[in-house]
Amino acid sequence: MHPQRHNDPVMSQAQRAQEARRLRDRFAWLNQFTDEELQQISFCETGSEMVPGETYFDISHPEVGAFVGQEGQLIPEDGCLVRKGSIPETLWNKLTAYPPRR
């Protein structure tokens, strides 16, 4: 299951809320986020090319932390990547602050 793109204008408010619940069910660490916050997340399309030099975060592997996309690098099939420039900075900071790093 891959998350739907939350900025899809075709999704109703009920569908967006359902998607937020699915994300929390799949990734328990997202329970600290509100429905409104989760609805602001726009996921990268699987198989598309990353923007070289742009920062990404994979919510399916938060322990990896943020990383920079390289030329020719593709969005992996098993990832749920978020591009830093696609969400509000406060939400990006909250996403990348978890889990706390030792």
PDB file of N, CA and C in Angstrom:
ATOM      1  N   MET A   1       0.836  -1.184   0.000  1.00  0.00           N
ATOM      2  CA  MET A   1       0.000   0.000   0.000  1.00  0.00           C
ATOM      3  C   MET A   1       0.869   1.231   0.000  1.00  0.00           C
ATOM      4  N   HIS A   2       0.612   2.127  -0.923  1.00  0.00           N
ATOM      5  CA  HIS A   2       1.329   3.384  -0.969  1.00  0.00           C
ATOM      6  C   HIS A   2       0.358   4.497  -0.631  1.00  0.00           C
ATOM      7  N   PRO A   3       0.789   5.454   0.182  1.00  0.00           N
ATOM      8  CA  PRO A   3      -0.092   6.569   0.505  1.00  0.00           C
ATOM      9  C   PRO A   3      -0.489   7.318  -0.758  1.00  0.00           C
ATOM     10  N   GLN A   4      -1.689   7.826  -0.749  1.00  0.00           N
ATOM     11  CA  GLN A   4      -2.122   8.659  -1.860  1.00  0.00           C
ATOM     12  C   GLN A   4      -1.474  10.029  -1.693  1.00  0.00           C
ATOM     13  N   ARG A   5      -1.421  10.770  -2.775  1.00  0.00           N
ATOM     14  CA  ARG A   5      -0.903  12.129  -2.693  1.00  0.00           C
ATOM     15  C   ARG A   5      -1.967  12.974  -2.002  1.00  0.00           C
ATOM     16  N   HIS A   6      -1.600  13.600  -0.893  1.00  0.00           N
ATOM     17  CA  HIS A   6      -2.566  14.362  -0.113  1.00  0.00           C
ATOM     18  C   HIS A   6      -2.996  15.663  -0.774  1.00  0.00           C
ATOM     19  N   ASN A   7      -2.261  16.125  -1.744  1.00  0.00           N
ATOM     20  CA  ASN A   7      -2.657  17.365  -2.399  1.00  0.00           C
ATOM     21  C   ASN A   7      -3.551  17.107  -3.601  1.00  0.00           C
ATOM     22  N   ASP A   8      -4.011  15.889  -3.743  1.00  0.00           N
ATOM     23  CA  ASP A   8      -4.895  15.521  -4.844  1.00  0.00           C
ATOM     24  C   ASP A   8      -6.250  16.190  -4.622  1.00  0.00           C
ATOM     25  N   PRO A   9      -6.653  17.118  -5.516  1.00  0.00           N
ATOM     26  CA  PRO A   9      -7.907  17.843  -5.303  1.00  0.00           C
ATOM     27  C   PRO A   9      -9.140  16.969  -5.426  1.00  0.00           C
ATOM     28  N   VAL A  10      -8.998  15.752  -5.961  1.00  0.00           N
ATOM     29  CA  VAL A  10     -10.140  14.863  -6.129  1.00  0.00           C
ATOM     30  C   VAL A  10     -10.534  14.218  -4.798  1.00  0.00           C
ATOM     31  N   MET A  11      -9.617  14.135  -3.860  1.00  0.00           N
ATOM     32  CA  MET A  11      -9.900  13.506  -2.565  1.00  0.00           C
ATOM     33  C   MET A  11     -10.832  14.391  -1.736  1.00  0.00           C
ATOM     34  N   SER A  12     -11.870  13.786  -1.181  1.00  0.00           N
ATOM     35  CA  SER A  12     -12.775  14.512  -0.297  1.00  0.00           C
ATOM     36  C   SER A  12     -12.149  14.622   1.090  1.00  0.00           C
ATOM     37  N   GLN A  13     -12.741  15.423   1.927  1.00  0.00           N
ATOM     38  CA  GLN A  13     -12.241  15.563   3.302  1.00  0.00           C
ATOM     39  C   GLN A  13     -12.311  14.227   4.029  1.00  0.00           C
ATOM     40  N   ALA A  14     -13.375  13.458   3.789  1.00  0.00           N
ATOM     41  CA  ALA A  14     -13.507  12.141   4.422  1.00  0.00           C
ATOM     42  C   ALA A  14     -12.398  11.208   3.941  1.00  0.00           C
ATOM     43  N   GLN A  15     -12.081  11.266   2.648  1.00  0.00           N
ATOM     44  CA  GLN A  15     -10.998  10.432   2.119  1.00  0.00           C
ATOM     45  C   GLN A  15      -9.652  10.846   2.706  1.00  0.00           C
ATOM     46  N   ARG A  16      -9.444  12.136   2.877  1.00  0.00           N
ATOM     47  CA  ARG A  16      -8.198  12.616   3.473  1.00  0.00           C
ATOM     48  C   ARG A  16      -8.071  12.136   4.925  1.00  0.00           C
ATOM     49  N   ALA A  17      -9.172  12.178   5.669  1.00  0.00           N
ATOM     50  CA  ALA A  17      -9.157  11.696   7.049  1.00  0.00           C
ATOM     51  C   ALA A  17      -8.892  10.196   7.095  1.00  0.00           C
ATOM     52  N   GLN A  18      -9.499   9.462   6.166  1.00  0.00           N
ATOM     53  CA  GLN A  18      -9.272   8.014   6.091  1.00  0.00           C
ATOM     54  C   GLN A  18      -7.803   7.730   5.767  1.00  0.00           C
ATOM     55  N   GLU A  19      -7.215   8.501   4.875  1.00  0.00           N
ATOM     56  CA  GLU A  19      -5.805   8.326   4.524  1.00  0.00           C
ATOM     57  C   GLU A  19      -4.911   8.612   5.732  1.00  0.00           C
ATOM     58  N   ALA A  20      -5.258   9.617   6.530  1.00  0.00           N
ATOM     59  CA  ALA A  20      -4.490   9.912   7.741  1.00  0.00           C
ATOM     60  C   ALA A  20      -4.545   8.718   8.701  1.00  0.00           C
ATOM     61  N   ARG A  21      -5.714   8.100   8.839  1.00  0.00           N
ATOM     62  CA  ARG A  21      -5.840   6.915   9.695  1.00  0.00           C
ATOM     63  C   ARG A  21      -4.991   5.766   9.162  1.00  0.00           C
ATOM     64  N   ARG A  22      -5.009   5.558   7.841  1.00  0.00           N
ATOM     65  CA  ARG A  22      -4.193   4.493   7.239  1.00  0.00           C
ATOM     66  C   ARG A  22      -2.706   4.733   7.487  1.00  0.00           C
ATOM     67  N   LEU A  23      -2.291   5.982   7.375  1.00  0.00           N
ATOM     68  CA  LEU A  23      -0.874   6.291   7.631  1.00  0.00           C
ATOM     69  C   LEU A  23      -0.504   5.968   9.076  1.00  0.00           C
ATOM     70  N   ARG A  24      -1.377   6.337  10.013  1.00  0.00           N
ATOM     71  CA  ARG A  24      -1.103   6.043  11.427  1.00  0.00           C
ATOM     72  C   ARG A  24      -1.100   4.544  11.693  1.00  0.00           C
ATOM     73  N   ASP A  25      -1.994   3.811  11.024  1.00  0.00           N
ATOM     74  CA  ASP A  25      -2.020   2.355  11.193  1.00  0.00           C
ATOM     75  C   ASP A  25      -0.731   1.729  10.670  1.00  0.00           C
ATOM     76  N   ARG A  26      -0.240   2.232   9.564  1.00  0.00           N
ATOM     77  CA  ARG A  26       0.967   1.675   8.952  1.00  0.00           C
ATOM     78  C   ARG A  26       2.240   2.128   9.665  1.00  0.00           C
ATOM     79  N   PHE A  27       2.269   3.387  10.095  1.00  0.00           N
ATOM     80  CA  PHE A  27       3.455   3.960  10.730  1.00  0.00           C
ATOM     81  C   PHE A  27       3.043   4.530  12.086  1.00  0.00           C
ATOM     82  N   ALA A  28       3.143   3.722  13.128  1.00  0.00           N
ATOM     83  CA  ALA A  28       2.677   4.116  14.458  1.00  0.00           C
ATOM     84  C   ALA A  28       3.307   5.413  14.946  1.00  0.00           C
ATOM     85  N   TRP A  29       4.528   5.695  14.535  1.00  0.00           N
ATOM     86  CA  TRP A  29       5.182   6.916  15.020  1.00  0.00           C
ATOM     87  C   TRP A  29       4.474   8.186  14.545  1.00  0.00           C
ATOM     88  N   LEU A  30       3.588   8.071  13.552  1.00  0.00           N
ATOM     89  CA  LEU A  30       2.851   9.238  13.082  1.00  0.00           C
ATOM     90  C   LEU A  30       1.669   9.594  13.985  1.00  0.00           C
ATOM     91  N   ASN A  31       1.448   8.814  15.050  1.00  0.00           N
ATOM     92  CA  ASN A  31       0.362   9.125  15.982  1.00  0.00           C
ATOM     93  C   ASN A  31       0.545  10.476  16.657  1.00  0.00           C
ATOM     94  N   GLN A  32       1.759  10.999  16.646  1.00  0.00           N
ATOM     95  CA  GLN A  32       2.009  12.306  17.256  1.00  0.00           C
ATOM     96  C   GLN A  32       1.586  13.467  16.342  1.00  0.00           C
ATOM     97  N   PHE A  33       1.110  13.158  15.132  1.00  0.00           N
ATOM     98  CA  PHE A  33       0.691  14.174  14.176  1.00  0.00           C
ATOM     99  C   PHE A  33      -0.825  14.272  14.120  1.00  0.00           C
ATOM    100  N   THR A  34      -1.329  15.475  13.904  1.00  0.00           N
ATOM    101  CA  THR A  34      -2.775  15.677  13.756  1.00  0.00           C
ATOM    102  C   THR A  34      -3.205  15.280  12.347  1.00  0.00           C
ATOM    103  N   ASP A  35      -4.512  15.079  12.170  1.00  0.00           N
ATOM    104  CA  ASP A  35      -5.040  14.798  10.835  1.00  0.00           C
ATOM    105  C   ASP A  35      -4.655  15.919   9.874  1.00  0.00           C
ATOM    106  N   GLU A  36      -4.770  17.159  10.342  1.00  0.00           N
ATOM    107  CA  GLU A  36      -4.456  18.311   9.496  1.00  0.00           C
ATOM    108  C   GLU A  36      -2.999  18.280   9.046  1.00  0.00           C
ATOM    109  N   GLU A  37      -2.103  17.925   9.953  1.00  0.00           N
ATOM    110  CA  GLU A  37      -0.689  17.841   9.586  1.00  0.00           C
ATOM    111  C   GLU A  37      -0.455  16.743   8.553  1.00  0.00           C
ATOM    112  N   LEU A  38      -1.043  15.582   8.795  1.00  0.00           N
ATOM    113  CA  LEU A  38      -0.847  14.471   7.860  1.00  0.00           C
ATOM    114  C   LEU A  38      -1.433  14.787   6.492  1.00  0.00           C
ATOM    115  N   GLN A  39      -2.499  15.552   6.464  1.00  0.00           N
ATOM    116  CA  GLN A  39      -3.119  15.903   5.197  1.00  0.00           C
ATOM    117  C   GLN A  39      -2.275  16.897   4.402  1.00  0.00           C
ATOM    118  N   GLN A  40      -1.316  17.536   5.036  1.00  0.00           N
ATOM    119  CA  GLN A  40      -0.428  18.476   4.351  1.00  0.00           C
ATOM    120  C   GLN A  40       0.761  17.782   3.685  1.00  0.00           C
ATOM    121  N   ILE A  41       0.959  16.503   3.998  1.00  0.00           N
ATOM    122  CA  ILE A  41       2.102  15.777   3.451  1.00  0.00           C
ATOM    123  C   ILE A  41       1.805  15.354   2.019  1.00  0.00           C
ATOM    124  N   SER A  42       2.711  15.697   1.132  1.00  0.00           N
ATOM    125  CA  SER A  42       2.614  15.311  -0.265  1.00  0.00           C
ATOM    126  C   SER A  42       3.751  14.338  -0.547  1.00  0.00           C
ATOM    127  N   PHE A  43       3.401  13.115  -0.911  1.00  0.00           N
ATOM    128  CA  PHE A  43       4.411  12.084  -1.143  1.00  0.00           C
ATOM    129  C   PHE A  43       4.913  12.118  -2.575  1.00  0.00           C
ATOM    130  N   CYS A  44       6.157  11.764  -2.738  1.00  0.00           N
ATOM    131  CA  CYS A  44       6.771  11.681  -4.063  1.00  0.00           C
ATOM    132  C   CYS A  44       6.216  10.465  -4.803  1.00  0.00           C
ATOM    133  N   GLU A  45       6.103  10.588  -6.086  1.00  0.00           N
ATOM    134  CA  GLU A  45       5.588   9.497  -6.903  1.00  0.00           C
ATOM    135  C   GLU A  45       6.655   8.430  -7.101  1.00  0.00           C
ATOM    136  N   THR A  46       6.304   7.185  -6.775  1.00  0.00           N
ATOM    137  CA  THR A  46       7.215   6.057  -6.927  1.00  0.00           C
ATOM    138  C   THR A  46       7.733   5.983  -8.358  1.00  0.00           C
ATOM    139  N   GLY A  47       9.044   5.782  -8.490  1.00  0.00           N
ATOM    140  CA  GLY A  47       9.661   5.643  -9.803  1.00  0.00           C
ATOM    141  C   GLY A  47      10.089   6.942 -10.441  1.00  0.00           C
ATOM    142  N   SER A  48       9.638   8.076  -9.887  1.00  0.00           N
ATOM    143  CA  SER A  48      10.062   9.347 -10.466  1.00  0.00           C
ATOM    144  C   SER A  48      11.485   9.666 -10.011  1.00  0.00           C
ATOM    145  N   GLU A  49      12.141  10.521 -10.744  1.00  0.00           N
ATOM    146  CA  GLU A  49      13.523  10.869 -10.428  1.00  0.00           C
ATOM    147  C   GLU A  49      13.568  11.939  -9.339  1.00  0.00           C
ATOM    148  N   MET A  50      14.484  11.745  -8.392  1.00  0.00           N
ATOM    149  CA  MET A  50      14.673  12.744  -7.348  1.00  0.00           C
ATOM    150  C   MET A  50      15.330  13.989  -7.954  1.00  0.00           C
ATOM    151  N   VAL A  51      15.054  15.122  -7.343  1.00  0.00           N
ATOM    152  CA  VAL A  51      15.688  16.369  -7.755  1.00  0.00           C
ATOM    153  C   VAL A  51      17.079  16.397  -7.124  1.00  0.00           C
ATOM    154  N   PRO A  52      18.134  16.412  -7.948  1.00  0.00           N
ATOM    155  CA  PRO A  52      19.485  16.436  -7.383  1.00  0.00           C
ATOM    156  C   PRO A  52      19.675  17.634  -6.454  1.00  0.00           C
ATOM    157  N   GLY A  53      20.227  17.369  -5.271  1.00  0.00           N
ATOM    158  CA  GLY A  53      20.474  18.420  -4.298  1.00  0.00           C
ATOM    159  C   GLY A  53      19.304  18.732  -3.390  1.00  0.00           C
ATOM    160  N   GLU A  54      18.129  18.205  -3.697  1.00  0.00           N
ATOM    161  CA  GLU A  54      16.938  18.427  -2.859  1.00  0.00           C
ATOM    162  C   GLU A  54      16.972  17.455  -1.690  1.00  0.00           C
ATOM    163  N   THR A  55      16.425  17.860  -0.557  1.00  0.00           N
ATOM    164  CA  THR A  55      16.416  17.036   0.646  1.00  0.00           C
ATOM    165  C   THR A  55      15.115  16.248   0.720  1.00  0.00           C
ATOM    166  N   TYR A  56      15.243  14.956   1.091  1.00  0.00           N
ATOM    167  CA  TYR A  56      14.111  14.032   1.183  1.00  0.00           C
ATOM    168  C   TYR A  56      14.093  13.361   2.551  1.00  0.00           C
ATOM    169  N   PHE A  57      12.914  12.823   2.897  1.00  0.00           N
ATOM    170  CA  PHE A  57      12.740  12.071   4.135  1.00  0.00           C
ATOM    171  C   PHE A  57      11.782  10.929   3.846  1.00  0.00           C
ATOM    172  N   ASP A  58      12.141   9.731   4.279  1.00  0.00           N
ATOM    173  CA  ASP A  58      11.312   8.551   4.048  1.00  0.00           C
ATOM    174  C   ASP A  58      10.577   8.214   5.340  1.00  0.00           C
ATOM    175  N   ILE A  59       9.259   8.435   5.365  1.00  0.00           N
ATOM    176  CA  ILE A  59       8.521   8.175   6.600  1.00  0.00           C
ATOM    177  C   ILE A  59       8.471   6.692   6.938  1.00  0.00           C
ATOM    178  N   SER A  60       8.747   5.823   5.958  1.00  0.00           N
ATOM    179  CA  SER A  60       8.762   4.397   6.253  1.00  0.00           C
ATOM    180  C   SER A  60      10.067   3.973   6.921  1.00  0.00           C
ATOM    181  N   HIS A  61      11.062   4.845   6.914  1.00  0.00           N
ATOM    182  CA  HIS A  61      12.351   4.595   7.574  1.00  0.00           C
ATOM    183  C   HIS A  61      12.857   5.879   8.230  1.00  0.00           C
ATOM    184  N   PRO A  62      12.136   6.386   9.251  1.00  0.00           N
ATOM    185  CA  PRO A  62      12.523   7.665   9.853  1.00  0.00           C
ATOM    186  C   PRO A  62      13.890   7.625  10.527  1.00  0.00           C
ATOM    187  N   GLU A  63      14.328   6.432  10.897  1.00  0.00           N
ATOM    188  CA  GLU A  63      15.624   6.308  11.574  1.00  0.00           C
ATOM    189  C   GLU A  63      16.789   6.696  10.662  1.00  0.00           C
ATOM    190  N   VAL A  64      16.578   6.679   9.356  1.00  0.00           N
ATOM    191  CA  VAL A  64      17.627   7.065   8.402  1.00  0.00           C
ATOM    192  C   VAL A  64      17.848   8.575   8.427  1.00  0.00           C
ATOM    193  N   GLY A  65      16.797   9.315   8.705  1.00  0.00           N
ATOM    194  CA  GLY A  65      16.900  10.772   8.712  1.00  0.00           C
ATOM    195  C   GLY A  65      16.784  11.344   7.315  1.00  0.00           C
ATOM    196  N   ALA A  66      16.951  12.642   7.221  1.00  0.00           N
ATOM    197  CA  ALA A  66      16.872  13.331   5.938  1.00  0.00           C
ATOM    198  C   ALA A  66      18.119  13.029   5.117  1.00  0.00           C
ATOM    199  N   PHE A  67      17.944  13.033   3.791  1.00  0.00           N
ATOM    200  CA  PHE A  67      19.081  12.790   2.901  1.00  0.00           C
ATOM    201  C   PHE A  67      18.902  13.610   1.629  1.00  0.00           C
ATOM    202  N   VAL A  68      19.989  13.789   0.912  1.00  0.00           N
ATOM    203  CA  VAL A  68      19.984  14.593  -0.307  1.00  0.00           C
ATOM    204  C   VAL A  68      19.892  13.677  -1.528  1.00  0.00           C
ATOM    205  N   GLY A  69      18.978  14.002  -2.422  1.00  0.00           N
ATOM    206  CA  GLY A  69      18.810  13.240  -3.651  1.00  0.00           C
ATOM    207  C   GLY A  69      19.982  13.454  -4.597  1.00  0.00           C
ATOM    208  N   GLN A  70      20.329  12.416  -5.308  1.00  0.00           N
ATOM    209  CA  GLN A  70      21.444  12.454  -6.251  1.00  0.00           C
ATOM    210  C   GLN A  70      20.917  12.359  -7.682  1.00  0.00           C
ATOM    211  N   GLU A  71      21.681  12.843  -8.625  1.00  0.00           N
ATOM    212  CA  GLU A  71      21.296  12.777 -10.028  1.00  0.00           C
ATOM    213  C   GLU A  71      21.063  11.325 -10.443  1.00  0.00           C
ATOM    214  N   GLY A  72      19.958  11.073 -11.104  1.00  0.00           N
ATOM    215  CA  GLY A  72      19.625   9.738 -11.582  1.00  0.00           C
ATOM    216  C   GLY A  72      18.997   8.831 -10.531  1.00  0.00           C
ATOM    217  N   GLN A  73      18.892   9.292  -9.292  1.00  0.00           N
ATOM    218  CA  GLN A  73      18.311   8.482  -8.220  1.00  0.00           C
ATOM    219  C   GLN A  73      16.788   8.518  -8.330  1.00  0.00           C
ATOM    220  N   LEU A  74      16.163   7.346  -8.234  1.00  0.00           N
ATOM    221  CA  LEU A  74      14.713   7.238  -8.359  1.00  0.00           C
ATOM    222  C   LEU A  74      14.045   7.046  -7.005  1.00  0.00           C
ATOM    223  N   ILE A  75      12.790   7.446  -6.917  1.00  0.00           N
ATOM    224  CA  ILE A  75      11.994   7.216  -5.710  1.00  0.00           C
ATOM    225  C   ILE A  75      11.747   5.712  -5.640  1.00  0.00           C
ATOM    226  N   PRO A  76      12.173   5.060  -4.559  1.00  0.00           N
ATOM    227  CA  PRO A  76      12.041   3.598  -4.478  1.00  0.00           C
ATOM    228  C   PRO A  76      10.598   3.129  -4.342  1.00  0.00           C
ATOM    229  N   GLU A  77      10.366   1.920  -4.825  1.00  0.00           N
ATOM    230  CA  GLU A  77       9.036   1.296  -4.785  1.00  0.00           C
ATOM    231  C   GLU A  77       8.526   1.128  -3.355  1.00  0.00           C
ATOM    232  N   ASP A  78       9.414   0.819  -2.428  1.00  0.00           N
ATOM    233  CA  ASP A  78       8.997   0.510  -1.053  1.00  0.00           C
ATOM    234  C   ASP A  78       9.090   1.711  -0.110  1.00  0.00           C
ATOM    235  N   GLY A  79       9.358   2.892  -0.619  1.00  0.00           N
ATOM    236  CA  GLY A  79       9.505   4.058   0.238  1.00  0.00           C
ATOM    237  C   GLY A  79       8.288   4.962   0.218  1.00  0.00           C
ATOM    238  N   CYS A  80       8.216   5.819   1.198  1.00  0.00           N
ATOM    239  CA  CYS A  80       7.177   6.850   1.296  1.00  0.00           C
ATOM    240  C   CYS A  80       7.909   8.175   1.482  1.00  0.00           C
ATOM    241  N   LEU A  81       8.497   8.658   0.398  1.00  0.00           N
ATOM    242  CA  LEU A  81       9.347   9.828   0.461  1.00  0.00           C
ATOM    243  C   LEU A  81       8.577  11.136   0.379  1.00  0.00           C
ATOM    244  N   VAL A  82       9.067  12.081   1.167  1.00  0.00           N
ATOM    245  CA  VAL A  82       8.543  13.438   1.192  1.00  0.00           C
ATOM    246  C   VAL A  82       9.706  14.347   0.814  1.00  0.00           C
ATOM    247  N   ARG A  83       9.452  15.282  -0.093  1.00  0.00           N
ATOM    248  CA  ARG A  83      10.474  16.247  -0.487  1.00  0.00           C
ATOM    249  C   ARG A  83      10.323  17.485   0.382  1.00  0.00           C
ATOM    250  N   LYS A  84      11.426  17.970   0.910  1.00  0.00           N
ATOM    251  CA  LYS A  84      11.407  19.099   1.845  1.00  0.00           C
ATOM    252  C   LYS A  84      10.629  20.290   1.299  1.00  0.00           C
ATOM    253  N   GLY A  85      10.821  20.613   0.048  1.00  0.00           N
ATOM    254  CA  GLY A  85      10.176  21.784  -0.533  1.00  0.00           C
ATOM    255  C   GLY A  85       8.686  21.633  -0.783  1.00  0.00           C
ATOM    256  N   SER A  86       8.128  20.449  -0.513  1.00  0.00           N
ATOM    257  CA  SER A  86       6.713  20.213  -0.816  1.00  0.00           C
ATOM    258  C   SER A  86       5.788  20.354   0.382  1.00  0.00           C
ATOM    259  N   ILE A  87       6.356  20.591   1.564  1.00  0.00           N
ATOM    260  CA  ILE A  87       5.525  20.723   2.771  1.00  0.00           C
ATOM    261  C   ILE A  87       5.996  21.935   3.583  1.00  0.00           C
ATOM    262  N   PRO A  88       5.137  22.453   4.472  1.00  0.00           N
ATOM    263  CA  PRO A  88       5.538  23.592   5.296  1.00  0.00           C
ATOM    264  C   PRO A  88       6.767  23.259   6.155  1.00  0.00           C
ATOM    265  N   GLU A  89       7.610  24.243   6.375  1.00  0.00           N
ATOM    266  CA  GLU A  89       8.851  24.026   7.115  1.00  0.00           C
ATOM    267  C   GLU A  89       8.609  23.509   8.530  1.00  0.00           C
ATOM    268  N   THR A  90       7.575  24.001   9.196  1.00  0.00           N
ATOM    269  CA  THR A  90       7.303  23.525  10.561  1.00  0.00           C
ATOM    270  C   THR A  90       6.954  22.038  10.567  1.00  0.00           C
ATOM    271  N   LEU A  91       6.229  21.577   9.554  1.00  0.00           N
ATOM    272  CA  LEU A  91       5.892  20.161   9.452  1.00  0.00           C
ATOM    273  C   LEU A  91       7.138  19.347   9.112  1.00  0.00           C
ATOM    274  N   TRP A  92       7.968  19.859   8.209  1.00  0.00           N
ATOM    275  CA  TRP A  92       9.231  19.184   7.877  1.00  0.00           C
ATOM    276  C   TRP A  92      10.076  19.009   9.143  1.00  0.00           C
ATOM    277  N   ASN A  93      10.183  20.060   9.935  1.00  0.00           N
ATOM    278  CA  ASN A  93      10.985  19.994  11.157  1.00  0.00           C
ATOM    279  C   ASN A  93      10.438  18.966  12.135  1.00  0.00           C
ATOM    280  N   LYS A  94       9.112  18.866  12.232  1.00  0.00           N
ATOM    281  CA  LYS A  94       8.497  17.876  13.124  1.00  0.00           C
ATOM    282  C   LYS A  94       8.738  16.464  12.602  1.00  0.00           C
ATOM    283  N   LEU A  95       8.597  16.261  11.293  1.00  0.00           N
ATOM    284  CA  LEU A  95       8.844  14.942  10.698  1.00  0.00           C
ATOM    285  C   LEU A  95      10.281  14.492  10.943  1.00  0.00           C
ATOM    286  N   THR A  96      11.216  15.362  10.651  1.00  0.00           N
ATOM    287  CA  THR A  96      12.630  14.965  10.708  1.00  0.00           C
ATOM    288  C   THR A  96      13.189  14.966  12.117  1.00  0.00           C
ATOM    289  N   ALA A  97      12.436  15.434  13.089  1.00  0.00           N
ATOM    290  CA  ALA A  97      12.883  15.405  14.480  1.00  0.00           C
ATOM    291  C   ALA A  97      12.627  14.038  15.123  1.00  0.00           C
ATOM    292  N   TYR A  98      11.866  13.185  14.448  1.00  0.00           N
ATOM    293  CA  TYR A  98      11.524  11.873  14.983  1.00  0.00           C
ATOM    294  C   TYR A  98      12.163  10.799  14.139  1.00  0.00           C
ATOM    295  N   PRO A  99      12.680   9.751  14.691  1.00  0.00           N
ATOM    296  CA  PRO A  99      12.822   9.549  16.140  1.00  0.00           C
ATOM    297  C   PRO A  99      13.990  10.351  16.664  1.00  0.00           C
ATOM    298  N   PRO A 100      13.975  10.621  17.964  1.00  0.00           N
ATOM    299  CA  PRO A 100      15.101  11.360  18.538  1.00  0.00           C
ATOM    300  C   PRO A 100      16.392  10.586  18.271  1.00  0.00           C
ATOM    301  N   ARG A 101      17.379  11.285  17.816  1.00  0.00           N
ATOM    302  CA  ARG A 101      18.686  10.652  17.530  1.00  0.00           C
ATOM    303  C   ARG A 101      19.563  10.749  18.763  1.00  0.00           C
ATOM    304  N   ARG A 102      20.291   9.675  19.010  1.00  0.00           N
ATOM    305  CA  ARG A 102      21.191   9.658  20.182  1.00  0.00           C
ATOM    306  C   ARG A 102      22.548  10.157  19.806  1.00  0.00           C
TER     307      ARG A 102
END
